[in-house]
Protein backbone atom coordinates (compact mmCIF):
# COMPACT_ATOMS: atom_id res chain seq x y z
CA MET A 1 34.03 74.25 132.22
CA LYS A 2 34.66 76.54 129.31
CA THR A 3 33.83 75.50 125.82
CA HIS A 4 34.96 76.69 122.46
CA PHE A 5 31.49 78.10 121.71
CA ALA A 6 31.58 80.46 124.71
CA ASN A 7 34.74 82.09 123.34
CA LEU A 8 33.13 82.56 119.93
CA ARG A 9 30.16 84.39 121.43
CA ARG A 10 32.39 86.84 123.27
CA SER A 11 34.45 87.64 120.20
CA ARG A 12 31.33 88.26 118.13
CA ARG A 13 29.98 90.84 120.60
CA SER A 14 33.12 92.98 120.58
CA PRO A 15 32.98 94.19 116.94
CA GLY A 16 29.28 94.94 117.30
CA GLY A 17 29.98 97.17 120.29
CA SER A 18 32.69 99.12 118.50
CA ALA A 19 30.41 99.60 115.49
CA VAL A 20 27.82 101.20 117.77
CA VAL A 21 30.45 103.55 119.20
CA VAL A 22 31.62 104.55 115.71
CA LEU A 23 28.03 105.09 114.60
CA LEU A 24 27.28 107.28 117.63
CA ALA A 25 30.44 109.30 116.98
CA LEU A 26 29.45 109.89 113.37
CA LEU A 27 25.93 110.90 114.38
CA SER A 28 27.27 113.35 116.95
CA VAL A 29 29.59 114.94 114.35
CA MET A 30 26.67 115.25 111.95
CA LEU A 31 24.56 116.86 114.67
CA VAL A 32 27.29 119.41 115.43
CA LEU A 33 27.55 120.27 111.72
CA ILE A 34 23.78 120.68 111.41
CA VAL A 35 23.66 123.02 114.40
CA ALA A 36 26.59 125.08 113.10
CA ASN A 37 25.05 125.36 109.62
CA THR A 38 21.70 126.41 111.08
CA ALA A 39 23.33 129.14 113.16
CA THR A 40 25.28 130.40 110.14
CA LEU A 41 22.16 130.39 107.99
CA ASN A 42 20.28 132.44 110.61
CA ARG A 43 23.11 134.99 110.77
CA LEU A 44 23.21 135.28 106.99
CA THR A 45 19.44 135.72 106.83
CA GLN A 46 19.62 138.58 109.33
CA GLU A 47 22.45 140.18 107.38
CA VAL A 48 20.51 139.98 104.10
CA LYS A 49 17.46 141.54 105.77
CA GLY A 50 19.62 144.39 107.06
CA MET A 51 21.14 144.96 103.64
CA GLU A 52 17.68 144.97 102.09
CA LYS A 53 16.48 147.61 104.57
CA ARG A 54 19.51 149.81 103.84
CA GLN A 55 18.94 149.51 100.10
CA ILE A 56 15.26 150.36 100.43
CA GLN A 57 16.14 153.42 102.51
CA ARG A 58 18.80 154.45 99.99
CA LEU A 59 16.52 154.03 96.97
CA ASN A 60 13.39 155.50 98.58
CA PRO A 61 14.54 158.68 100.35
CA THR A 62 12.34 160.34 102.95
CA PRO A 63 10.34 163.44 101.90
CA ASN A 64 12.62 165.79 103.87
CA SER A 65 15.82 164.56 102.26
CA PRO A 66 17.13 166.32 99.16
CA THR A 67 16.55 164.63 95.84
CA ARG A 68 19.71 165.92 94.18
CA PRO A 69 23.16 166.38 95.72
CA SER A 70 23.37 169.99 94.46
CA GLN A 71 20.39 170.99 96.62
CA SER A 72 22.12 169.90 99.81
CA ALA A 73 25.29 171.97 99.23
CA THR A 74 25.76 174.72 101.81
CA ASN A 75 28.04 176.85 99.64
CA GLN A 76 26.04 177.84 96.58
CA PRO A 77 28.02 179.20 93.62
CA ALA A 78 27.91 182.98 93.24
CA VAL A 79 25.65 184.30 90.52
CA ARG A 80 27.45 186.73 88.14
């Protein structure tokens, strides 16, 4: 024998189940975004470190490198 109260209980469970599914979907999207942002941040950090190394090398030349561009020229002007 089915009663009216049994039907009410079933209908109340259905929206709760769909809310859980929606919540899990939103959490999974957030997790994907967090992972993607972390990977991008790591790549950018490595790129900044590389740029910093190149700038340090450019601004602090090695002892064997010429200090002025005119010293490194192979064709020196003729002296008159």
